[in-house]
Amino acid sequence: MSMCSIGHSVRQGAITTAPDTAYDDAAFTLMPAVAEVLTIEVKTNLLAPARPDSS
């Protein structure tokens, strides 16, 4: 599955996954070893389409 749409812009889900994973990893450092972390809500405000080959 490609992370780009038909118009060659990067899918929002691909952009949001990286910070969400970082939040989870940071939360694990504060929790007991047997705890689990679950994202309740993530909001990303995009300013413009992200193009994989734009400079």
PDB file of N, CA and C in Angstrom:
ATOM      1  N   MET A   1       0.841  -1.178   0.000  1.00  0.00           N
ATOM      2  CA  MET A   1       0.000   0.000   0.000  1.00  0.00           C
ATOM      3  C   MET A   1       0.885   1.240   0.000  1.00  0.00           C
ATOM      4  N   SER A   2       0.569   2.170  -0.845  1.00  0.00           N
ATOM      5  CA  SER A   2       1.334   3.402  -0.958  1.00  0.00           C
ATOM      6  C   SER A   2       0.901   4.424   0.082  1.00  0.00           C
ATOM      7  N   MET A   3       1.846   5.261   0.519  1.00  0.00           N
ATOM      8  CA  MET A   3       1.500   6.335   1.439  1.00  0.00           C
ATOM      9  C   MET A   3       1.064   7.589   0.685  1.00  0.00           C
ATOM     10  N   CYS A   4       1.047   7.528  -0.652  1.00  0.00           N
ATOM     11  CA  CYS A   4       0.648   8.675  -1.457  1.00  0.00           C
ATOM     12  C   CYS A   4      -0.705   8.419  -2.099  1.00  0.00           C
ATOM     13  N   SER A   5      -1.474   9.481  -2.284  1.00  0.00           N
ATOM     14  CA  SER A   5      -2.773   9.372  -2.934  1.00  0.00           C
ATOM     15  C   SER A   5      -2.608   9.518  -4.439  1.00  0.00           C
ATOM     16  N   ILE A   6      -3.720   9.494  -5.155  1.00  0.00           N
ATOM     17  CA  ILE A   6      -3.686   9.596  -6.613  1.00  0.00           C
ATOM     18  C   ILE A   6      -3.013  10.895  -7.059  1.00  0.00           C
ATOM     19  N   GLY A   7      -3.235  11.989  -6.329  1.00  0.00           N
ATOM     20  CA  GLY A   7      -2.623  13.272  -6.673  1.00  0.00           C
ATOM     21  C   GLY A   7      -1.193  13.410  -6.193  1.00  0.00           C
ATOM     22  N   HIS A   8      -0.590  12.322  -5.744  1.00  0.00           N
ATOM     23  CA  HIS A   8       0.795  12.278  -5.274  1.00  0.00           C
ATOM     24  C   HIS A   8       1.027  13.132  -4.030  1.00  0.00           C
ATOM     25  N   SER A   9       0.023  13.295  -3.210  1.00  0.00           N
ATOM     26  CA  SER A   9       0.222  13.947  -1.922  1.00  0.00           C
ATOM     27  C   SER A   9       0.274  12.867  -0.849  1.00  0.00           C
ATOM     28  N   VAL A  10       0.993  13.140   0.221  1.00  0.00           N
ATOM     29  CA  VAL A  10       1.168  12.164   1.294  1.00  0.00           C
ATOM     30  C   VAL A  10      -0.120  12.068   2.099  1.00  0.00           C
ATOM     31  N   ARG A  11      -0.535  10.857   2.403  1.00  0.00           N
ATOM     32  CA  ARG A  11      -1.764  10.651   3.164  1.00  0.00           C
ATOM     33  C   ARG A  11      -1.610  11.172   4.591  1.00  0.00           C
ATOM     34  N   GLN A  12      -2.663  11.758   5.103  1.00  0.00           N
ATOM     35  CA  GLN A  12      -2.661  12.334   6.441  1.00  0.00           C
ATOM     36  C   GLN A  12      -2.338  11.287   7.488  1.00  0.00           C
ATOM     37  N   GLY A  13      -2.796  10.078   7.320  1.00  0.00           N
ATOM     38  CA  GLY A  13      -2.523   9.015   8.286  1.00  0.00           C
ATOM     39  C   GLY A  13      -1.041   8.720   8.414  1.00  0.00           C
ATOM     40  N   ALA A  14      -0.320   8.813   7.305  1.00  0.00           N
ATOM     41  CA  ALA A  14       1.132   8.581   7.341  1.00  0.00           C
ATOM     42  C   ALA A  14       1.834   9.696   8.100  1.00  0.00           C
ATOM     43  N   ILE A  15       1.326  10.908   7.984  1.00  0.00           N
ATOM     44  CA  ILE A  15       1.919  12.050   8.680  1.00  0.00           C
ATOM     45  C   ILE A  15       1.641  11.965  10.180  1.00  0.00           C
ATOM     46  N   THR A  16       0.443  11.552  10.558  1.00  0.00           N
ATOM     47  CA  THR A  16       0.033  11.526  11.957  1.00  0.00           C
ATOM     48  C   THR A  16       0.625  10.344  12.718  1.00  0.00           C
ATOM     49  N   THR A  17       0.951   9.266  12.042  1.00  0.00           N
ATOM     50  CA  THR A  17       1.464   8.070  12.709  1.00  0.00           C
ATOM     51  C   THR A  17       2.769   8.331  13.451  1.00  0.00           C
ATOM     52  N   ALA A  18       3.677   9.103  12.868  1.00  0.00           N
ATOM     53  CA  ALA A  18       4.987   9.347  13.500  1.00  0.00           C
ATOM     54  C   ALA A  18       4.855  10.041  14.850  1.00  0.00           C
ATOM     55  N   PRO A  19       4.152  11.185  14.957  1.00  0.00           N
ATOM     56  CA  PRO A  19       4.043  11.796  16.286  1.00  0.00           C
ATOM     57  C   PRO A  19       3.231  10.953  17.262  1.00  0.00           C
ATOM     58  N   ASP A  20       2.223  10.241  16.782  1.00  0.00           N
ATOM     59  CA  ASP A  20       1.426   9.395  17.671  1.00  0.00           C
ATOM     60  C   ASP A  20       2.303   8.305  18.285  1.00  0.00           C
ATOM     61  N   THR A  21       3.184   7.726  17.498  1.00  0.00           N
ATOM     62  CA  THR A  21       4.110   6.718  18.002  1.00  0.00           C
ATOM     63  C   THR A  21       5.068   7.334  19.024  1.00  0.00           C
ATOM     64  N   ALA A  22       5.518   8.548  18.749  1.00  0.00           N
ATOM     65  CA  ALA A  22       6.410   9.229  19.695  1.00  0.00           C
ATOM     66  C   ALA A  22       5.693   9.503  21.019  1.00  0.00           C
ATOM     67  N   TYR A  23       4.411   9.900  20.957  1.00  0.00           N
ATOM     68  CA  TYR A  23       3.640  10.145  22.179  1.00  0.00           C
ATOM     69  C   TYR A  23       3.524   8.860  22.995  1.00  0.00           C
ATOM     70  N   ASP A  24       3.237   7.752  22.311  1.00  0.00           N
ATOM     71  CA  ASP A  24       3.123   6.463  22.999  1.00  0.00           C
ATOM     72  C   ASP A  24       4.441   6.080  23.673  1.00  0.00           C
ATOM     73  N   ASP A  25       5.543   6.241  22.944  1.00  0.00           N
ATOM     74  CA  ASP A  25       6.848   5.895  23.499  1.00  0.00           C
ATOM     75  C   ASP A  25       7.167   6.760  24.717  1.00  0.00           C
ATOM     76  N   ALA A  26       6.841   8.048  24.642  1.00  0.00           N
ATOM     77  CA  ALA A  26       7.077   8.945  25.781  1.00  0.00           C
ATOM     78  C   ALA A  26       6.216   8.540  26.977  1.00  0.00           C
ATOM     79  N   ALA A  27       4.967   8.170  26.720  1.00  0.00           N
ATOM     80  CA  ALA A  27       4.075   7.756  27.803  1.00  0.00           C
ATOM     81  C   ALA A  27       4.586   6.488  28.482  1.00  0.00           C
ATOM     82  N   PHE A  28       5.148   5.558  27.707  1.00  0.00           N
ATOM     83  CA  PHE A  28       5.683   4.321  28.278  1.00  0.00           C
ATOM     84  C   PHE A  28       6.798   4.601  29.274  1.00  0.00           C
ATOM     85  N   THR A  29       7.548   5.687  29.094  1.00  0.00           N
ATOM     86  CA  THR A  29       8.646   5.983  30.024  1.00  0.00           C
ATOM     87  C   THR A  29       8.131   6.421  31.392  1.00  0.00           C
ATOM     88  N   LEU A  30       6.867   6.826  31.468  1.00  0.00           N
ATOM     89  CA  LEU A  30       6.296   7.305  32.722  1.00  0.00           C
ATOM     90  C   LEU A  30       5.401   6.274  33.405  1.00  0.00           C
ATOM     91  N   MET A  31       5.119   5.163  32.741  1.00  0.00           N
ATOM     92  CA  MET A  31       4.177   4.175  33.245  1.00  0.00           C
ATOM     93  C   MET A  31       4.909   2.977  33.847  1.00  0.00           C
ATOM     94  N   PRO A  32       4.232   2.224  34.730  1.00  0.00           N
ATOM     95  CA  PRO A  32       4.814   0.974  35.230  1.00  0.00           C
ATOM     96  C   PRO A  32       5.037  -0.015  34.078  1.00  0.00           C
ATOM     97  N   ALA A  33       5.927  -0.954  34.270  1.00  0.00           N
ATOM     98  CA  ALA A  33       6.294  -1.894  33.203  1.00  0.00           C
ATOM     99  C   ALA A  33       5.113  -2.716  32.692  1.00  0.00           C
ATOM    100  N   VAL A  34       4.111  -2.968  33.518  1.00  0.00           N
ATOM    101  CA  VAL A  34       2.985  -3.808  33.104  1.00  0.00           C
ATOM    102  C   VAL A  34       1.841  -2.994  32.483  1.00  0.00           C
ATOM    103  N   ALA A  35       1.982  -1.673  32.416  1.00  0.00           N
ATOM    104  CA  ALA A  35       0.906  -0.816  31.895  1.00  0.00           C
ATOM    105  C   ALA A  35       0.849  -0.858  30.376  1.00  0.00           C
ATOM    106  N   GLU A  36      -0.306  -0.510  29.835  1.00  0.00           N
ATOM    107  CA  GLU A  36      -0.489  -0.376  28.394  1.00  0.00           C
ATOM    108  C   GLU A  36      -0.906   1.052  28.093  1.00  0.00           C
ATOM    109  N   VAL A  37      -0.585   1.511  26.902  1.00  0.00           N
ATOM    110  CA  VAL A  37      -0.902   2.875  26.492  1.00  0.00           C
ATOM    111  C   VAL A  37      -1.862   2.822  25.312  1.00  0.00           C
ATOM    112  N   LEU A  38      -2.882   3.664  25.348  1.00  0.00           N
ATOM    113  CA  LEU A  38      -3.865   3.733  24.276  1.00  0.00           C
ATOM    114  C   LEU A  38      -4.104   5.192  23.920  1.00  0.00           C
ATOM    115  N   THR A  39      -4.039   5.511  22.635  1.00  0.00           N
ATOM    116  CA  THR A  39      -4.335   6.869  22.189  1.00  0.00           C
ATOM    117  C   THR A  39      -5.841   7.050  22.154  1.00  0.00           C
ATOM    118  N   ILE A  40      -6.337   8.037  22.883  1.00  0.00           N
ATOM    119  CA  ILE A  40      -7.774   8.322  22.903  1.00  0.00           C
ATOM    120  C   ILE A  40      -8.156   9.201  21.727  1.00  0.00           C
ATOM    121  N   GLU A  41      -7.378  10.257  21.493  1.00  0.00           N
ATOM    122  CA  GLU A  41      -7.690  11.179  20.402  1.00  0.00           C
ATOM    123  C   GLU A  41      -6.410  11.822  19.901  1.00  0.00           C
ATOM    124  N   VAL A  42      -6.282  11.927  18.597  1.00  0.00           N
ATOM    125  CA  VAL A  42      -5.162  12.621  17.971  1.00  0.00           C
ATOM    126  C   VAL A  42      -5.747  13.574  16.937  1.00  0.00           C
ATOM    127  N   LYS A  43      -5.304  14.822  16.972  1.00  0.00           N
ATOM    128  CA  LYS A  43      -5.775  15.803  16.002  1.00  0.00           C
ATOM    129  C   LYS A  43      -4.564  16.413  15.319  1.00  0.00           C
ATOM    130  N   THR A  44      -4.598  16.475  13.994  1.00  0.00           N
ATOM    131  CA  THR A  44      -3.521  17.072  13.222  1.00  0.00           C
ATOM    132  C   THR A  44      -4.109  18.145  12.325  1.00  0.00           C
ATOM    133  N   ASN A  45      -3.598  19.351  12.439  1.00  0.00           N
ATOM    134  CA  ASN A  45      -4.017  20.439  11.569  1.00  0.00           C
ATOM    135  C   ASN A  45      -3.003  20.583  10.445  1.00  0.00           C
ATOM    136  N   LEU A  46      -3.418  20.327   9.222  1.00  0.00           N
ATOM    137  CA  LEU A  46      -2.527  20.410   8.080  1.00  0.00           C
ATOM    138  C   LEU A  46      -2.673  21.775   7.419  1.00  0.00           C
ATOM    139  N   LEU A  47      -1.556  22.396   7.116  1.00  0.00           N
ATOM    140  CA  LEU A  47      -1.574  23.736   6.531  1.00  0.00           C
ATOM    141  C   LEU A  47      -1.668  23.718   5.008  1.00  0.00           C
ATOM    142  N   ALA A  48      -1.103  22.681   4.395  1.00  0.00           N
ATOM    143  CA  ALA A  48      -1.093  22.579   2.927  1.00  0.00           C
ATOM    144  C   ALA A  48      -0.826  21.120   2.574  1.00  0.00           C
ATOM    145  N   PRO A  49      -1.152  20.726   1.353  1.00  0.00           N
ATOM    146  CA  PRO A  49      -0.855  19.348   0.935  1.00  0.00           C
ATOM    147  C   PRO A  49       0.642  19.057   1.011  1.00  0.00           C
ATOM    148  N   ALA A  50       0.999  17.894   1.523  1.00  0.00           N
ATOM    149  CA  ALA A  50       2.398  17.489   1.597  1.00  0.00           C
ATOM    150  C   ALA A  50       2.737  16.684   0.358  1.00  0.00           C
ATOM    151  N   ARG A  51       3.699  17.119  -0.378  1.00  0.00           N
ATOM    152  CA  ARG A  51       4.119  16.430  -1.597  1.00  0.00           C
ATOM    153  C   ARG A  51       5.482  15.785  -1.341  1.00  0.00           C
ATOM    154  N   PRO A  52       5.613  14.497  -1.615  1.00  0.00           N
ATOM    155  CA  PRO A  52       6.854  13.783  -1.270  1.00  0.00           C
ATOM    156  C   PRO A  52       8.097  14.283  -1.992  1.00  0.00           C
ATOM    157  N   ASP A  53       7.946  14.912  -3.155  1.00  0.00           N
ATOM    158  CA  ASP A  53       9.131  15.354  -3.912  1.00  0.00           C
ATOM    159  C   ASP A  53       9.288  16.870  -3.929  1.00  0.00           C
ATOM    160  N   SER A  54       8.561  17.605  -3.085  1.00  0.00           N
ATOM    161  CA  SER A  54       8.656  19.067  -3.096  1.00  0.00           C
ATOM    162  C   SER A  54       9.894  19.515  -2.332  1.00  0.00           C
ATOM    163  N   SER A  55      10.449  20.616  -2.743  1.00  0.00           N
ATOM    164  CA  SER A  55      11.669  21.155  -2.105  1.00  0.00           C
ATOM    165  C   SER A  55      11.335  22.373  -1.301  1.00  0.00           C
TER     166      SER A  55
END
